[in-house]
Amino acid sequence: MDKSQINIGVIGFGTVGAGTVKILSNSSREIEQRLGFPVVIKRIADLDIKSDRGVSLEKGVLTSDVDVILNDPEIDIVVELIGGIRPAKDMVLKALRNGKHVVTANKALLAEAGKEIFRVAVKNKKQVGFEAAVAGSIPIIKVVRESLIGNRINSIYGIINGTANYILTKMTEEGVEFASVLKEAQDLGYAEADPTFDIEGVDSAHKLTILASLAFGIPLSFKKVYTEGISSITPLDIQFAADFGYSIKLLAIAKRVENELELRVNPAMVPKDDLISGVNGVFNAIRIDGDATGDALYYGRGAGDIPTGSAVVSDIADIARLIKSGAAERMTMPGMAEDNGLQIRKMEDIVTCYYLRLSVMDKPGVLSLISGILGTHNISISSMIQKGRRREKAVTLVMMTHVAREKDMTEALKKITRMSFVSGRPVMLRVEGGEI
């Protein structure tokens, strides 16, 4: 199709939507020079068309009726930036069926409904761009899908939620409690009013689902991702981690182990000399180990209006090029795999080192009893710290273990918790880092 320009319609004029529109507006000349043709914002749909977003728009561009975009035959690309599953899913499917390509930053939508979306896209010979769905300004989707196409990827390991990383960084630097830092993050706009997805690891699990499907050729497997958040992390554990030479990060991990794939999000202790350990604030970092490239680290801002908007614009430009070349409907859209036989490893079967913190009575024989329970479950202690001496009163006992199996650790802790000399619930953290 011979078109003098590519028209886009944006659905959602919130933080990312406004950032995307600002980039397209402020850099329109540069974009046209690089593409060889203009990309024009024809319509923007949002429930709120009154608030000032700090960007100048021509009269008539804004609408509160999303069907004005979905049914407009002149709009080539629909950009979905409202988030969530519904009604975003319905809008994306309608756009594809109406002959429009789609760009989205919606990781939850792709992780949970991507199979249907990609199937409809292929059926209608349309493209779906989703670079902005994972890690904001870091072009990690292109890296995995294109730059590393000749690699057998062994592992993906990193920080892909800026909110959780900001909270853990502040707790580490200032020694303050989780609840206090969470409120500060909400006041600064780093955390949502309902922060559950960020702090409980769900957002990271959505993103890991997408990355793992691309990297390992497995179906989208959100429900199989083990997910654990950071709400139980305390300054005490952060300080003990530092004493052992570690920092605590919320990690997304996908790695091959024998003929299975570990797929999990959990807070973990990372060695201070690991580059991931030094990633602070709202930044993201993803380390990928490929058989040809070896380890490579990708670092940048993982959220925000302009960084994420930049990734959205990248997808718009890629699809616009395909449209102009006439290849958009001829090329098979690189979507997600159906199945390559790689199984997800059960969490009980993972093997790693562990950090344990117990509150125990300070009396003879306690340590030997705990060591005995661990020993009967094939767990050995590599180092230990006991804070203070309070004869016949509770003291804090902290241990680092050698490599052990999760199931063995869980069963040992159940027995230890039932012992009369243990008070409260033990704290357990996994240890990651170095060569994973």
Protein backbone atom coordinates (compact mmCIF):
# COMPACT_ATOMS: atom_id res chain seq x y z
CA MET A 1 0.00 0.00 0.00
CA ASP A 2 1.35 3.41 -1.00
CA LYS A 3 0.89 5.79 1.93
CA SER A 4 2.44 9.20 2.34
CA GLN A 5 2.22 8.90 6.13
CA ILE A 6 1.49 6.39 8.87
CA ASN A 7 -1.46 7.26 11.10
CA ILE A 8 -1.67 6.07 14.67
CA GLY A 9 -4.38 6.09 17.30
CA VAL A 10 -3.43 6.10 20.98
CA ILE A 11 -5.75 4.53 23.56
CA GLY A 12 -4.85 5.75 27.03
CA PHE A 13 -3.49 9.22 27.77
CA GLY A 14 -2.07 8.58 31.23
CA THR A 15 1.59 8.59 32.22
CA VAL A 16 2.94 6.39 29.42
CA GLY A 17 0.45 7.66 26.87
CA ALA A 18 1.44 11.26 27.54
CA GLY A 19 5.13 10.33 27.37
CA THR A 20 4.63 8.59 24.04
CA VAL A 21 2.72 11.53 22.57
CA LYS A 22 5.39 13.97 23.80
CA ILE A 23 8.13 12.00 22.04
CA LEU A 24 6.15 11.69 18.82
CA SER A 25 5.33 15.40 18.91
CA ASN A 26 8.69 16.80 20.05
CA SER A 27 10.77 14.50 17.83
CA SER A 28 8.47 14.38 14.81
CA ARG A 29 11.09 15.91 12.51
CA GLU A 30 13.84 13.51 13.62
CA ILE A 31 11.48 10.53 13.32
CA GLU A 32 10.45 11.56 9.80
CA GLN A 33 14.10 12.00 8.77
CA ARG A 34 15.05 8.57 10.08
CA LEU A 35 12.04 6.76 8.64
CA GLY A 36 11.72 8.74 5.44
CA PHE A 37 8.05 9.49 6.07
CA PRO A 38 5.94 11.09 8.85
CA VAL A 39 4.17 9.31 11.68
CA VAL A 40 1.02 11.23 12.58
CA ILE A 41 -1.08 11.02 15.73
CA LYS A 42 -4.59 11.07 14.29
CA ARG A 43 -6.57 10.32 17.44
CA ILE A 44 -6.08 9.89 21.20
CA ALA A 45 -8.81 8.26 23.28
CA ASP A 46 -9.12 8.60 27.04
CA LEU A 47 -11.90 8.91 29.58
CA ASP A 48 -10.32 12.18 30.75
CA ILE A 49 -9.88 14.58 27.86
CA LYS A 50 -9.83 17.73 30.00
CA SER A 51 -6.64 17.43 32.09
CA ASP A 52 -3.48 19.12 30.85
CA ARG A 53 -0.77 16.58 29.95
CA GLY A 54 1.81 19.19 29.01
CA VAL A 55 1.60 18.54 25.28
CA SER A 56 0.02 20.63 22.53
CA LEU A 57 -2.54 18.84 20.35
CA GLU A 58 -4.57 19.89 17.35
CA LYS A 59 -8.27 20.41 17.90
CA GLY A 60 -10.29 17.23 17.48
CA VAL A 61 -7.46 14.79 18.22
CA LEU A 62 -8.79 13.93 21.68
CA THR A 63 -11.87 11.76 22.05
CA SER A 64 -13.54 9.83 24.83
CA ASP A 65 -14.92 7.26 22.37
CA VAL A 66 -12.41 4.47 21.73
CA ASP A 67 -14.43 3.16 18.78
CA VAL A 68 -13.56 6.33 16.89
CA ILE A 69 -10.02 4.89 16.75
CA LEU A 70 -10.86 1.21 16.38
CA ASN A 71 -13.25 1.81 13.47
CA ASP A 72 -11.25 4.46 11.60
CA PRO A 73 -9.99 2.90 8.34
CA GLU A 74 -7.24 5.53 8.05
CA ILE A 75 -5.55 4.52 11.32
CA ASP A 76 -2.76 2.02 10.67
CA ILE A 77 -1.46 1.34 14.18
CA VAL A 78 -3.40 1.27 17.44
CA VAL A 79 -1.30 1.96 20.54
CA GLU A 80 -2.89 0.45 23.68
CA LEU A 81 -1.66 2.09 26.88
CA ILE A 82 -4.49 1.72 29.37
CA GLY A 83 -3.12 -1.38 31.14
CA GLY A 84 -4.95 -4.25 32.80
CA ILE A 85 -6.74 -7.16 31.18
CA ARG A 86 -10.21 -5.76 30.53
CA PRO A 87 -11.22 -3.76 28.56
CA ALA A 88 -7.72 -3.64 27.01
CA LYS A 89 -8.01 -7.20 25.65
CA ASP A 90 -11.27 -6.45 23.87
CA MET A 91 -9.82 -3.29 22.34
CA VAL A 92 -6.66 -5.02 21.11
CA LEU A 93 -8.59 -7.91 19.57
CA LYS A 94 -11.03 -5.55 17.87
CA ALA A 95 -8.15 -3.49 16.48
CA LEU A 96 -6.50 -6.60 15.00
CA ARG A 97 -9.76 -7.87 13.52
CA ASN A 98 -10.38 -4.43 12.04
CA GLY A 99 -7.11 -4.66 10.15
CA LYS A 100 -4.88 -2.58 12.41
CA HIS A 101 -1.46 -3.36 13.80
CA VAL A 102 -1.05 -3.01 17.57
CA VAL A 103 1.61 -1.67 19.90
CA THR A 104 1.17 -2.26 23.63
CA ALA A 105 3.05 -1.75 26.89
CA ASN A 106 0.64 -4.07 28.69
CA LYS A 107 2.67 -6.90 30.25
CA ALA A 108 -0.27 -8.26 32.27
CA LEU A 109 -2.38 -8.53 29.12
CA LEU A 110 0.32 -10.39 27.18
CA ALA A 111 1.31 -12.66 30.06
CA GLU A 112 -2.25 -13.75 30.75
CA ALA A 113 -3.99 -13.41 27.38
CA GLY A 114 -1.11 -13.27 24.91
CA LYS A 115 -1.82 -16.66 23.35
CA GLU A 116 -5.20 -15.52 22.08
CA ILE A 117 -3.91 -12.11 21.01
CA PHE A 118 -1.02 -13.52 18.97
CA ARG A 119 -3.29 -16.13 17.39
CA VAL A 120 -5.70 -13.40 16.22
CA ALA A 121 -2.77 -11.28 15.01
CA VAL A 122 -1.42 -14.12 12.89
CA LYS A 123 -4.86 -14.95 11.52
CA ASN A 124 -5.37 -11.32 10.45
CA LYS A 125 -1.78 -10.90 9.24
CA LYS A 126 -1.06 -8.09 11.67
CA GLN A 127 1.92 -7.20 13.85
CA VAL A 128 1.94 -6.75 17.64
CA GLY A 129 4.79 -4.71 19.13
CA PHE A 130 5.46 -5.06 22.85
CA GLU A 131 8.98 -3.77 23.58
CA ALA A 132 7.60 -1.41 26.24
CA ALA A 133 5.98 -4.28 28.16
CA VAL A 134 9.29 -5.29 29.77
CA ALA A 135 12.00 -3.14 31.37
CA GLY A 136 10.99 0.29 30.07
CA SER A 137 13.79 1.92 28.11
CA ILE A 138 15.93 -1.25 27.93
CA PRO A 139 15.35 -2.81 24.46
CA ILE A 140 15.37 -6.27 25.95
CA ILE A 141 12.66 -7.76 23.70
CA LYS A 142 14.67 -6.89 20.59
CA VAL A 143 17.82 -8.21 22.23
CA VAL A 144 16.26 -11.60 22.99
CA ARG A 145 14.24 -11.90 19.79
CA GLU A 146 16.79 -10.51 17.34
CA SER A 147 20.31 -9.86 18.70
CA LEU A 148 20.56 -13.21 20.51
CA ILE A 149 18.72 -15.27 17.92
CA GLY A 150 21.82 -17.42 17.34
CA ASN A 151 22.26 -18.20 21.03
CA ARG A 152 21.01 -21.00 23.21
CA ILE A 153 20.08 -18.91 26.24
CA ASN A 154 21.05 -20.53 29.51
CA SER A 155 19.71 -18.01 32.00
CA ILE A 156 17.96 -14.70 32.52
CA TYR A 157 18.51 -13.08 35.88
CA GLY A 158 17.72 -9.59 37.04
CA ILE A 159 15.71 -6.71 38.42
CA ILE A 160 12.65 -5.86 36.33
CA ASN A 161 10.50 -3.87 38.76
CA GLY A 162 11.69 -0.38 39.65
CA THR A 163 9.22 0.15 42.50
CA ALA A 164 10.41 -2.87 44.47
CA ASN A 165 14.04 -1.99 43.76
CA TYR A 166 13.50 1.59 44.95
CA ILE A 167 11.98 0.33 48.21
CA LEU A 168 14.78 -2.15 48.89
CA THR A 169 17.41 0.48 48.03
CA LYS A 170 15.94 2.99 50.50
CA MET A 171 15.63 0.33 53.19
CA THR A 172 19.28 -0.59 52.63
CA GLU A 173 20.63 2.94 52.58
CA GLU A 174 18.55 4.37 55.43
CA GLY A 175 17.72 1.35 57.59
CA VAL A 176 14.00 2.14 57.59
CA GLU A 177 11.04 -0.21 57.70
CA PHE A 178 9.22 -1.47 54.60
CA ALA A 179 5.90 0.30 55.35
CA SER A 180 7.58 3.69 55.73
CA VAL A 181 9.45 3.44 52.42
CA LEU A 182 6.35 2.16 50.62
CA LYS A 183 4.41 5.26 51.70
CA GLU A 184 7.26 7.47 50.52
CA ALA A 185 7.31 5.67 47.16
CA GLN A 186 3.57 6.23 46.81
CA ASP A 187 3.93 9.92 47.67
CA LEU A 188 6.64 10.28 44.99
CA GLY A 189 4.59 8.45 42.38
CA TYR A 190 6.93 5.44 42.18
CA ALA A 191 4.29 3.13 43.66
CA GLU A 192 0.58 2.88 42.86
CA ALA A 193 -2.15 3.51 45.42
CA ASP A 194 -2.59 -0.28 45.33
CA PRO A 195 1.03 -1.47 45.09
CA THR A 196 0.29 -5.20 45.29
CA PHE A 197 1.52 -6.12 41.80
CA ASP A 198 4.85 -4.38 42.38
CA ILE A 199 5.68 -5.39 45.95
CA GLU A 200 4.35 -8.95 45.76
CA GLY A 201 6.26 -9.79 42.59
CA VAL A 202 3.28 -10.09 40.21
CA ASP A 203 4.50 -7.36 37.86
CA SER A 204 7.91 -9.01 37.65
CA ALA A 205 6.24 -12.37 37.02
CA HIS A 206 4.25 -10.92 34.11
CA LYS A 207 7.44 -9.59 32.54
CA LEU A 208 9.38 -12.79 33.18
CA THR A 209 6.59 -14.77 31.52
CA ILE A 210 7.11 -12.80 28.30
CA LEU A 211 10.91 -12.97 28.41
CA ALA A 212 10.97 -16.69 29.16
CA SER A 213 8.64 -17.51 26.28
CA LEU A 214 10.86 -15.62 23.85
CA ALA A 215 14.17 -16.83 25.28
CA PHE A 216 13.39 -20.49 25.90
CA GLY A 217 10.67 -21.25 23.36
CA ILE A 218 8.02 -22.17 25.93
CA PRO A 219 4.35 -21.21 25.98
CA LEU A 220 3.35 -18.16 28.02
CA SER A 221 3.39 -19.67 31.50
CA PHE A 222 2.38 -16.99 34.00
CA LYS A 223 0.52 -19.41 36.25
CA LYS A 224 3.66 -21.56 36.53
CA VAL A 225 5.92 -18.72 37.72
CA TYR A 226 6.71 -19.05 41.43
CA THR A 227 6.06 -15.58 42.83
CA GLU A 228 7.16 -14.13 46.17
CA GLY A 229 7.30 -10.46 47.10
CA ILE A 230 9.28 -8.16 49.39
CA SER A 231 6.70 -7.12 52.00
CA SER A 232 8.25 -9.40 54.64
CA ILE A 233 11.80 -8.06 54.20
CA THR A 234 13.08 -6.21 57.30
CA PRO A 235 16.00 -3.85 57.93
CA LEU A 236 17.38 -6.55 60.24
CA ASP A 237 17.69 -9.03 57.38
CA ILE A 238 19.19 -6.36 55.14
CA GLN A 239 21.84 -5.67 57.78
CA PHE A 240 22.64 -9.34 58.27
CA ALA A 241 22.90 -9.75 54.49
CA ALA A 242 25.44 -6.92 54.46
CA ASP A 243 27.39 -8.60 57.28
CA PHE A 244 27.72 -11.67 55.07
CA GLY A 245 28.69 -9.56 52.03
CA TYR A 246 25.33 -9.52 50.24
CA SER A 247 22.49 -7.17 49.34
CA ILE A 248 18.83 -8.12 48.98
CA LYS A 249 17.10 -7.68 45.62
CA LEU A 250 13.80 -8.79 44.11
CA LEU A 251 14.96 -11.02 41.27
CA ALA A 252 13.25 -12.49 38.25
CA ILE A 253 15.01 -15.73 37.34
CA ALA A 254 14.65 -18.09 34.40
CA LYS A 255 17.39 -20.67 33.94
CA ARG A 256 17.93 -24.06 32.42
CA VAL A 257 18.72 -26.81 34.88
CA GLU A 258 19.31 -30.15 33.19
CA ASN A 259 16.19 -30.65 31.02
CA GLU A 260 13.97 -28.28 32.98
CA LEU A 261 13.48 -24.55 33.39
CA GLU A 262 13.40 -22.70 36.70
CA LEU A 263 10.90 -19.86 36.48
CA ARG A 264 10.58 -17.73 39.59
CA VAL A 265 10.40 -14.29 41.15
CA ASN A 266 11.64 -13.93 44.72
CA PRO A 267 13.71 -11.72 46.99
CA ALA A 268 17.24 -13.04 47.14
CA MET A 269 20.64 -12.27 48.56
CA VAL A 270 23.09 -11.20 45.87
CA PRO A 271 26.88 -10.93 46.43
CA LYS A 272 28.09 -7.35 46.74
CA ASP A 273 30.55 -7.89 43.87
CA ASP A 274 27.77 -8.97 41.48
CA LEU A 275 26.86 -6.10 39.12
CA ILE A 276 23.16 -6.70 39.84
CA SER A 277 23.84 -5.88 43.50
CA GLY A 278 24.82 -2.34 42.55
CA VAL A 279 21.62 -1.59 40.63
CA ASN A 280 19.69 0.83 42.82
CA GLY A 281 16.64 3.07 42.87
CA VAL A 282 14.11 2.72 40.07
CA PHE A 283 16.62 1.25 37.61
CA ASN A 284 16.32 -2.19 36.04
CA ALA A 285 19.07 -4.58 35.01
CA ILE A 286 18.86 -7.90 33.20
CA ARG A 287 21.74 -10.33 32.83
CA ILE A 288 21.49 -12.87 30.03
CA ASP A 289 23.85 -15.80 29.55
CA GLY A 290 23.98 -17.14 26.00
CA ASP A 291 26.12 -20.00 24.78
CA ALA A 292 27.72 -17.79 22.11
CA THR A 293 27.81 -14.40 23.85
CA GLY A 294 28.44 -15.44 27.44
CA ASP A 295 27.16 -13.10 30.14
CA ALA A 296 25.81 -9.69 29.10
CA LEU A 297 24.16 -7.06 31.31
CA TYR A 298 21.45 -4.69 30.08
CA TYR A 299 20.79 -1.68 32.29
CA GLY A 300 18.49 1.34 32.23
CA ARG A 301 15.35 3.00 33.51
CA GLY A 302 12.60 0.46 33.83
CA ALA A 303 9.60 2.76 34.09
CA GLY A 304 8.40 6.32 33.69
CA ASP A 305 6.63 8.29 31.00
CA ILE A 306 9.55 9.12 28.70
CA PRO A 307 11.67 5.93 29.07
CA THR A 308 8.66 3.68 28.46
CA GLY A 309 7.33 6.02 25.79
CA SER A 310 10.66 5.66 24.00
CA ALA A 311 10.14 1.89 23.79
CA VAL A 312 6.59 2.40 22.49
CA VAL A 313 7.85 4.73 19.76
CA SER A 314 10.48 2.15 18.80
CA ASP A 315 7.74 -0.40 18.11
CA ILE A 316 5.68 2.15 16.20
CA ALA A 317 8.69 2.90 13.99
CA ASP A 318 9.42 -0.80 13.34
CA ILE A 319 5.85 -1.54 12.30
CA ALA A 320 5.63 1.68 10.27
CA ARG A 321 8.68 0.57 8.25
CA LEU A 322 7.04 -2.77 7.55
CA ILE A 323 3.83 -1.08 6.43
CA LYS A 324 5.69 1.27 4.08
CA SER A 325 7.70 -1.58 2.59
CA GLY A 326 4.57 -3.65 2.06
CA ALA A 327 5.96 -6.42 4.25
CA ALA A 328 3.79 -5.94 7.34
CA GLU A 329 1.13 -8.40 6.20
CA ARG A 330 3.51 -10.80 4.48
CA MET A 331 5.85 -11.35 7.42
CA THR A 332 4.98 -13.88 10.08
CA MET A 333 4.69 -12.02 13.33
CA PRO A 334 7.38 -13.23 15.78
CA GLY A 335 5.09 -14.17 18.63
CA MET A 336 5.31 -16.67 21.44
CA ALA A 337 6.11 -20.36 21.21
CA GLU A 338 3.47 -23.03 21.54
CA ASP A 339 5.55 -25.81 23.11
CA ASN A 340 9.07 -27.18 22.78
CA GLY A 341 8.82 -29.81 25.49
CA LEU A 342 10.86 -27.90 28.10
CA GLN A 343 9.18 -28.46 31.46
CA ILE A 344 8.95 -25.95 34.32
CA ARG A 345 10.82 -27.23 37.35
CA LYS A 346 8.77 -27.55 40.54
CA MET A 347 9.81 -25.05 43.17
CA GLU A 348 10.44 -27.84 45.66
CA ASP A 349 13.16 -29.18 43.37
CA ILE A 350 15.25 -26.02 42.96
CA VAL A 351 18.75 -26.10 44.44
CA THR A 352 20.46 -23.05 45.91
CA CYS A 353 22.09 -21.75 49.08
CA TYR A 354 19.94 -20.30 51.86
CA TYR A 355 19.97 -17.62 54.54
CA LEU A 356 18.10 -18.46 57.75
CA ARG A 357 17.22 -16.20 60.68
CA LEU A 358 15.84 -17.78 63.85
CA SER A 359 14.86 -16.48 67.26
CA VAL A 360 15.98 -19.16 69.76
CA MET A 361 16.49 -19.60 73.48
CA ASP A 362 20.10 -19.03 74.51
CA LYS A 363 20.87 -22.30 76.26
CA PRO A 364 23.21 -25.26 75.80
CA GLY A 365 22.38 -27.78 73.11
CA VAL A 366 20.16 -25.57 70.96
CA LEU A 367 22.64 -25.13 68.14
CA SER A 368 23.44 -28.84 67.99
CA LEU A 369 19.73 -29.69 67.82
CA ILE A 370 19.17 -27.23 64.94
CA SER A 371 22.27 -28.49 63.14
CA GLY A 372 21.04 -32.05 63.62
CA ILE A 373 17.67 -31.31 62.04
CA LEU A 374 19.33 -29.58 59.11
CA GLY A 375 21.80 -32.43 58.76
CA THR A 376 19.10 -35.08 58.58
CA HIS A 377 17.71 -33.13 55.61
CA ASN A 378 21.09 -32.98 53.83
CA ILE A 379 21.67 -29.31 54.71
CA SER A 380 25.03 -28.12 56.02
CA ILE A 381 25.86 -24.74 57.56
CA SER A 382 28.57 -22.65 55.88
CA SER A 383 28.63 -19.72 58.33
CA MET A 384 26.73 -18.43 61.34
CA ILE A 385 26.18 -15.29 63.43
CA GLN A 386 24.66 -15.11 66.90
CA LYS A 387 23.80 -11.63 68.15
CA GLY A 388 24.42 -11.22 71.88
CA ARG A 389 24.22 -13.60 74.81
CA ARG A 390 21.06 -13.68 76.96
CA ARG A 391 21.13 -16.83 79.03
CA GLU A 392 17.73 -18.55 78.95
CA LYS A 393 16.26 -15.73 76.81
CA ALA A 394 15.63 -15.38 73.09
CA VAL A 395 18.53 -14.37 70.84
CA THR A 396 18.87 -14.01 67.09
CA LEU A 397 20.66 -16.81 65.27
CA VAL A 398 21.56 -16.34 61.62
CA MET A 399 22.97 -19.01 59.29
CA MET A 400 24.10 -19.36 55.71
CA THR A 401 23.88 -22.84 54.23
CA HIS A 402 25.69 -24.68 51.51
CA VAL A 403 23.69 -25.73 48.46
CA ALA A 404 20.46 -27.49 49.40
CA ARG A 405 17.17 -28.54 47.84
CA GLU A 406 14.11 -26.35 48.50
CA LYS A 407 11.97 -29.27 49.62
CA ASP A 408 14.58 -30.33 52.18
CA MET A 409 14.87 -26.77 53.50
CA THR A 410 11.09 -26.38 53.80
CA GLU A 411 10.70 -29.66 55.69
CA ALA A 412 13.62 -28.87 58.01
CA LEU A 413 12.18 -25.46 58.86
CA LYS A 414 8.81 -27.01 59.70
CA LYS A 415 10.52 -29.24 62.28
CA ILE A 416 12.67 -26.43 63.64
CA THR A 417 9.66 -24.15 64.03
CA ARG A 418 7.91 -26.76 66.19
CA MET A 419 10.80 -26.95 68.66
CA SER A 420 10.07 -25.43 72.08
CA PHE A 421 13.25 -23.32 72.06
CA VAL A 422 12.23 -21.48 68.83
CA SER A 423 9.96 -18.43 68.97
CA GLY A 424 8.25 -16.78 66.03
CA ARG A 425 8.56 -17.80 62.40
CA PRO A 426 11.98 -18.39 60.84
CA VAL A 427 13.03 -16.15 57.95
CA MET A 428 14.40 -17.84 54.84
CA LEU A 429 15.97 -16.15 51.82
CA ARG A 430 17.51 -17.76 48.77
CA VAL A 431 21.03 -16.84 47.72
CA GLU A 432 21.78 -16.08 44.08
CA GLY A 433 24.57 -14.49 42.11
CA GLY A 434 27.82 -15.20 40.38
CA GLU A 435 27.33 -17.94 37.83
CA ILE A 436 23.72 -18.99 38.23
